PDB file of N, CA and C in Angstrom:
ATOM      1  N   UNK A   1      14.047 -14.582  63.399  1.00  0.00           N
ATOM      2  CA  UNK A   1      14.917 -15.715  63.099  1.00  0.00           C
ATOM      3  C   UNK A   1      13.966 -16.951  63.094  1.00  0.00           C
ATOM      4  N   UNK A   2      14.125 -17.779  62.104  1.00  0.00           N
ATOM      5  CA  UNK A   2      13.251 -18.963  61.862  1.00  0.00           C
ATOM      6  C   UNK A   2      13.910 -20.093  62.562  1.00  0.00           C
ATOM      7  N   UNK A   3      13.144 -21.151  62.981  1.00  0.00           N
ATOM      8  CA  UNK A   3      13.693 -22.216  63.585  1.00  0.00           C
ATOM      9  C   UNK A   3      14.470 -23.160  62.463  1.00  0.00           C
ATOM     10  N   UNK A   4      14.054 -23.062  61.285  1.00  0.00           N
ATOM     11  CA  UNK A   4      14.780 -23.835  60.240  1.00  0.00           C
ATOM     12  C   UNK A   4      16.165 -23.397  60.056  1.00  0.00           C
ATOM     13  N   UNK A   5      16.465 -21.937  60.197  1.00  0.00           N
ATOM     14  CA  UNK A   5      17.785 -21.402  60.289  1.00  0.00           C
ATOM     15  C   UNK A   5      18.568 -21.969  61.340  1.00  0.00           C
ATOM     16  N   UNK A   6      17.957 -21.979  62.525  1.00  0.00           N
ATOM     17  CA  UNK A   6      18.685 -22.324  63.703  1.00  0.00           C
ATOM     18  C   UNK A   6      19.126 -23.857  63.623  1.00  0.00           C
ATOM     19  N   UNK A   7      18.221 -24.672  63.021  1.00  0.00           N
ATOM     20  CA  UNK A   7      18.485 -26.135  63.044  1.00  0.00           C
ATOM     21  C   UNK A   7      19.667 -26.366  62.171  1.00  0.00           C
ATOM     22  N   UNK A   8      20.129 -25.546  61.228  1.00  0.00           N
ATOM     23  CA  UNK A   8      21.298 -25.685  60.457  1.00  0.00           C
ATOM     24  C   UNK A   8      22.631 -25.350  61.164  1.00  0.00           C
ATOM     25  N   UNK A   9      22.506 -24.693  62.206  1.00  0.00           N
ATOM     26  CA  UNK A   9      23.754 -24.269  62.922  1.00  0.00           C
ATOM     27  C   UNK A   9      24.174 -25.320  63.944  1.00  0.00           C
ATOM     28  N   UNK A  10      25.548 -25.352  64.241  1.00  0.00           N
ATOM     29  CA  UNK A  10      25.896 -26.310  65.404  1.00  0.00           C
ATOM     30  C   UNK A  10      25.697 -25.726  66.649  1.00  0.00           C
ATOM     31  N   UNK A  11      26.036 -26.436  67.730  1.00  0.00           N
ATOM     32  CA  UNK A  11      25.932 -26.082  69.098  1.00  0.00           C
ATOM     33  C   UNK A  11      26.681 -24.816  69.503  1.00  0.00           C
ATOM     34  N   UNK A  12      27.903 -24.688  69.077  1.00  0.00           N
ATOM     35  CA  UNK A  12      28.768 -23.549  69.343  1.00  0.00           C
ATOM     36  C   UNK A  12      28.111 -22.274  68.757  1.00  0.00           C
ATOM     37  N   UNK A  13      27.564 -22.280  67.586  1.00  0.00           N
ATOM     38  CA  UNK A  13      27.023 -21.087  66.967  1.00  0.00           C
ATOM     39  C   UNK A  13      25.548 -20.855  67.637  1.00  0.00           C
ATOM     40  N   UNK A  14      24.955 -21.903  68.003  1.00  0.00           N
ATOM     41  CA  UNK A  14      23.610 -21.710  68.732  1.00  0.00           C
ATOM     42  C   UNK A  14      24.013 -20.918  70.105  1.00  0.00           C
ATOM     43  N   UNK A  15      24.991 -21.443  70.718  1.00  0.00           N
ATOM     44  CA  UNK A  15      25.300 -20.845  72.111  1.00  0.00           C
ATOM     45  C   UNK A  15      25.718 -19.263  71.933  1.00  0.00           C
ATOM     46  N   UNK A  16      26.430 -19.018  70.863  1.00  0.00           N
ATOM     47  CA  UNK A  16      26.854 -17.676  70.621  1.00  0.00           C
ATOM     48  C   UNK A  16      25.555 -16.783  70.298  1.00  0.00           C
ATOM     49  N   UNK A  17      24.675 -17.326  69.418  1.00  0.00           N
ATOM     50  CA  UNK A  17      23.469 -16.631  69.187  1.00  0.00           C
ATOM     51  C   UNK A  17      22.666 -16.434  70.475  1.00  0.00           C
ATOM     52  N   UNK A  18      22.686 -17.430  71.317  1.00  0.00           N
ATOM     53  CA  UNK A  18      21.808 -17.158  72.535  1.00  0.00           C
ATOM     54  C   UNK A  18      22.435 -16.181  73.420  1.00  0.00           C
ATOM     55  N   UNK A  19      23.806 -16.080  73.565  1.00  0.00           N
ATOM     56  CA  UNK A  19      24.381 -14.986  74.226  1.00  0.00           C
ATOM     57  C   UNK A  19      24.275 -13.651  73.660  1.00  0.00           C
ATOM     58  N   UNK A  20      24.120 -13.541  72.339  1.00  0.00           N
ATOM     59  CA  UNK A  20      23.957 -12.292  71.698  1.00  0.00           C
ATOM     60  C   UNK A  20      22.381 -11.943  71.956  1.00  0.00           C
ATOM     61  N   UNK A  21      21.532 -12.713  71.950  1.00  0.00           N
ATOM     62  CA  UNK A  21      20.197 -12.436  72.145  1.00  0.00           C
ATOM     63  C   UNK A  21      19.773 -12.020  73.585  1.00  0.00           C
ATOM     64  N   UNK A  22      20.598 -12.654  74.486  1.00  0.00           N
ATOM     65  CA  UNK A  22      20.488 -12.252  75.993  1.00  0.00           C
ATOM     66  C   UNK A  22      21.032 -10.922  76.184  1.00  0.00           C
ATOM     67  N   UNK A  23      22.145 -10.589  75.480  1.00  0.00           N
ATOM     68  CA  UNK A  23      22.622  -9.128  75.707  1.00  0.00           C
ATOM     69  C   UNK A  23      21.663  -8.246  75.199  1.00  0.00           C
ATOM     70  N   UNK A  24      21.057  -8.452  74.041  1.00  0.00           N
ATOM     71  CA  UNK A  24      20.071  -7.608  73.331  1.00  0.00           C
ATOM     72  C   UNK A  24      18.930  -7.463  74.273  1.00  0.00           C
ATOM     73  N   UNK A  25      18.374  -8.507  74.858  1.00  0.00           N
ATOM     74  CA  UNK A  25      17.312  -8.440  75.796  1.00  0.00           C
ATOM     75  C   UNK A  25      17.568  -7.610  76.914  1.00  0.00           C
ATOM     76  N   UNK A  26      18.781  -7.706  77.473  1.00  0.00           N
ATOM     77  CA  UNK A  26      19.118  -6.750  78.660  1.00  0.00           C
ATOM     78  C   UNK A  26      19.164  -5.338  78.181  1.00  0.00           C
ATOM     79  N   UNK A  27      19.760  -5.044  77.175  1.00  0.00           N
ATOM     80  CA  UNK A  27      19.597  -3.766  76.535  1.00  0.00           C
ATOM     81  C   UNK A  27      18.337  -3.131  76.443  1.00  0.00           C
ATOM     82  N   UNK A  28      17.407  -4.005  75.860  1.00  0.00           N
ATOM     83  CA  UNK A  28      16.052  -3.596  75.576  1.00  0.00           C
ATOM     84  C   UNK A  28      15.220  -3.302  76.882  1.00  0.00           C
ATOM     85  N   UNK A  29      15.579  -4.136  77.908  1.00  0.00           N
ATOM     86  CA  UNK A  29      15.040  -4.069  79.252  1.00  0.00           C
ATOM     87  C   UNK A  29      15.466  -2.667  79.912  1.00  0.00           C
ATOM     88  N   UNK A  30      16.768  -2.332  79.732  1.00  0.00           N
ATOM     89  CA  UNK A  30      17.306  -1.030  80.298  1.00  0.00           C
ATOM     90  C   UNK A  30      16.664   0.132  79.529  1.00  0.00           C
ATOM     91  N   UNK A  31      16.453  -0.098  78.280  1.00  0.00           N
ATOM     92  CA  UNK A  31      15.803   1.066  77.583  1.00  0.00           C
ATOM     93  C   UNK A  31      14.255   1.181  77.976  1.00  0.00           C
ATOM     94  N   UNK A  32      13.617   0.054  78.263  1.00  0.00           N
ATOM     95  CA  UNK A  32      12.245   0.005  78.695  1.00  0.00           C
ATOM     96  C   UNK A  32      12.179   0.889  80.178  1.00  0.00           C
ATOM     97  N   UNK A  33      13.157   0.444  80.998  1.00  0.00           N
ATOM     98  CA  UNK A  33      13.280   1.019  82.326  1.00  0.00           C
ATOM     99  C   UNK A  33      13.402   2.543  82.350  1.00  0.00           C
ATOM    100  N   UNK A  34      14.237   2.995  81.413  1.00  0.00           N
ATOM    101  CA  UNK A  34      14.536   4.491  81.267  1.00  0.00           C
ATOM    102  C   UNK A  34      13.563   5.120  80.313  1.00  0.00           C
ATOM    103  N   UNK A  35      12.655   4.419  79.823  1.00  0.00           N
ATOM    104  CA  UNK A  35      11.631   5.001  78.764  1.00  0.00           C
ATOM    105  C   UNK A  35      12.279   5.482  77.638  1.00  0.00           C
ATOM    106  N   UNK A  36      13.176   4.803  77.120  1.00  0.00           N
ATOM    107  CA  UNK A  36      13.825   5.236  75.804  1.00  0.00           C
ATOM    108  C   UNK A  36      13.417   4.239  74.763  1.00  0.00           C
ATOM    109  N   UNK A  37      12.677   3.157  75.020  1.00  0.00           N
ATOM    110  CA  UNK A  37      12.360   2.160  74.057  1.00  0.00           C
ATOM    111  C   UNK A  37      11.068   2.651  73.356  1.00  0.00           C
ATOM    112  N   UNK A  38      11.149   2.966  72.065  1.00  0.00           N
ATOM    113  CA  UNK A  38       9.957   3.384  71.418  1.00  0.00           C
ATOM    114  C   UNK A  38       9.163   2.259  70.836  1.00  0.00           C
ATOM    115  N   UNK A  39       9.839   1.147  70.342  1.00  0.00           N
ATOM    116  CA  UNK A  39       9.179   0.039  69.814  1.00  0.00           C
ATOM    117  C   UNK A  39       9.126  -1.162  70.785  1.00  0.00           C
ATOM    118  N   UNK A  40       8.016  -1.290  71.506  1.00  0.00           N
ATOM    119  CA  UNK A  40       8.118  -2.248  72.587  1.00  0.00           C
ATOM    120  C   UNK A  40       7.942  -3.778  72.017  1.00  0.00           C
ATOM    121  N   UNK A  41       7.576  -3.801  70.738  1.00  0.00           N
ATOM    122  CA  UNK A  41       7.409  -5.197  70.270  1.00  0.00           C
ATOM    123  C   UNK A  41       8.688  -5.862  70.036  1.00  0.00           C
ATOM    124  N   UNK A  42       9.854  -5.107  70.036  1.00  0.00           N
ATOM    125  CA  UNK A  42      11.168  -5.656  69.910  1.00  0.00           C
ATOM    126  C   UNK A  42      11.439  -6.629  71.086  1.00  0.00           C
ATOM    127  N   UNK A  43      11.005  -6.312  72.332  1.00  0.00           N
ATOM    128  CA  UNK A  43      11.288  -7.008  73.373  1.00  0.00           C
ATOM    129  C   UNK A  43      10.616  -8.497  73.307  1.00  0.00           C
ATOM    130  N   UNK A  44       9.414  -8.473  72.787  1.00  0.00           N
ATOM    131  CA  UNK A  44       8.773  -9.740  72.596  1.00  0.00           C
ATOM    132  C   UNK A  44       9.407 -10.559  71.539  1.00  0.00           C
ATOM    133  N   UNK A  45       9.793  -9.989  70.447  1.00  0.00           N
ATOM    134  CA  UNK A  45      10.506 -10.729  69.449  1.00  0.00           C
ATOM    135  C   UNK A  45      11.787 -11.447  69.875  1.00  0.00           C
ATOM    136  N   UNK A  46      12.503 -10.641  70.664  1.00  0.00           N
ATOM    137  CA  UNK A  46      13.785 -11.178  71.222  1.00  0.00           C
ATOM    138  C   UNK A  46      13.538 -12.320  72.118  1.00  0.00           C
ATOM    139  N   UNK A  47      12.501 -12.021  72.979  1.00  0.00           N
ATOM    140  CA  UNK A  47      12.244 -13.142  73.970  1.00  0.00           C
ATOM    141  C   UNK A  47      11.727 -14.423  73.185  1.00  0.00           C
ATOM    142  N   UNK A  48      11.090 -14.304  72.199  1.00  0.00           N
ATOM    143  CA  UNK A  48      10.620 -15.488  71.400  1.00  0.00           C
ATOM    144  C   UNK A  48      11.913 -16.156  70.702  1.00  0.00           C
ATOM    145  N   UNK A  49      12.762 -15.333  70.240  1.00  0.00           N
ATOM    146  CA  UNK A  49      14.012 -15.860  69.530  1.00  0.00           C
ATOM    147  C   UNK A  49      14.747 -16.611  70.553  1.00  0.00           C
ATOM    148  N   UNK A  50      14.929 -16.073  71.814  1.00  0.00           N
ATOM    149  CA  UNK A  50      15.629 -16.765  72.891  1.00  0.00           C
ATOM    150  C   UNK A  50      14.985 -18.160  73.123  1.00  0.00           C
ATOM    151  N   UNK A  51      13.725 -18.236  73.212  1.00  0.00           N
ATOM    152  CA  UNK A  51      13.048 -19.516  73.336  1.00  0.00           C
ATOM    153  C   UNK A  51      13.181 -20.455  72.122  1.00  0.00           C
ATOM    154  N   UNK A  52      13.291 -20.007  70.965  1.00  0.00           N
ATOM    155  CA  UNK A  52      13.545 -20.860  69.890  1.00  0.00           C
ATOM    156  C   UNK A  52      15.020 -21.452  69.921  1.00  0.00           C
ATOM    157  N   UNK A  53      15.926 -20.526  70.201  1.00  0.00           N
ATOM    158  CA  UNK A  53      17.220 -20.920  70.376  1.00  0.00           C
ATOM    159  C   UNK A  53      17.481 -22.104  71.463  1.00  0.00           C
ATOM    160  N   UNK A  54      16.829 -21.838  72.570  1.00  0.00           N
ATOM    161  CA  UNK A  54      17.021 -22.784  73.639  1.00  0.00           C
ATOM    162  C   UNK A  54      16.363 -24.054  73.353  1.00  0.00           C
ATOM    163  N   UNK A  55      15.271 -24.097  72.535  1.00  0.00           N
ATOM    164  CA  UNK A  55      14.578 -25.287  72.096  1.00  0.00           C
ATOM    165  C   UNK A  55      15.313 -26.162  71.247  1.00  0.00           C
ATOM    166  N   UNK A  56      15.968 -25.420  70.242  1.00  0.00           N
ATOM    167  CA  UNK A  56      16.793 -26.162  69.249  1.00  0.00           C
ATOM    168  C   UNK A  56      17.968 -26.694  70.089  1.00  0.00           C
ATOM    169  N   UNK A  57      18.627 -25.914  70.928  1.00  0.00           N
ATOM    170  CA  UNK A  57      19.826 -26.487  71.648  1.00  0.00           C
ATOM    171  C   UNK A  57      19.396 -27.674  72.437  1.00  0.00           C
ATOM    172  N   UNK A  58      18.293 -27.751  73.139  1.00  0.00           N
ATOM    173  CA  UNK A  58      17.910 -28.774  73.872  1.00  0.00           C
ATOM    174  C   UNK A  58      17.609 -29.995  72.956  1.00  0.00           C
ATOM    175  N   UNK A  59      17.044 -29.827  71.865  1.00  0.00           N
ATOM    176  CA  UNK A  59      16.867 -31.044  70.950  1.00  0.00           C
ATOM    177  C   UNK A  59      18.128 -31.547  70.338  1.00  0.00           C
ATOM    178  N   UNK A  60      19.232 -30.650  70.145  1.00  0.00           N
ATOM    179  CA  UNK A  60      20.358 -31.180  69.584  1.00  0.00           C
ATOM    180  C   UNK A  60      21.188 -31.895  70.730  1.00  0.00           C
ATOM    181  N   UNK A  61      20.968 -31.384  71.934  1.00  0.00           N
ATOM    182  CA  UNK A  61      21.733 -32.071  73.131  1.00  0.00           C
ATOM    183  C   UNK A  61      21.132 -33.500  73.309  1.00  0.00           C
ATOM    184  N   UNK A  62      19.795 -33.659  73.143  1.00  0.00           N
ATOM    185  CA  UNK A  62      19.154 -34.867  73.370  1.00  0.00           C
ATOM    186  C   UNK A  62      19.496 -35.922  72.424  1.00  0.00           C
ATOM    187  N   UNK A  63      20.004 -35.549  71.239  1.00  0.00           N
ATOM    188  CA  UNK A  63      20.217 -36.594  70.252  1.00  0.00           C
ATOM    189  C   UNK A  63      21.601 -37.209  70.411  1.00  0.00           C
TER     190      UNK A  63
END
């Protein structure tokens, strides 16, 4: 997900996106713990997307 896509969304949509990403991160962490995750780069991508969403949310709240 690109930051330009996130900037076009409102705060409610960003909060929903953040919740979805956090649930996905939890699922990936559980798969890693049980050694069922074959593509470990997914965890890194989700973590970065979470950081992007939080950054965009913080900039929208500051305005």
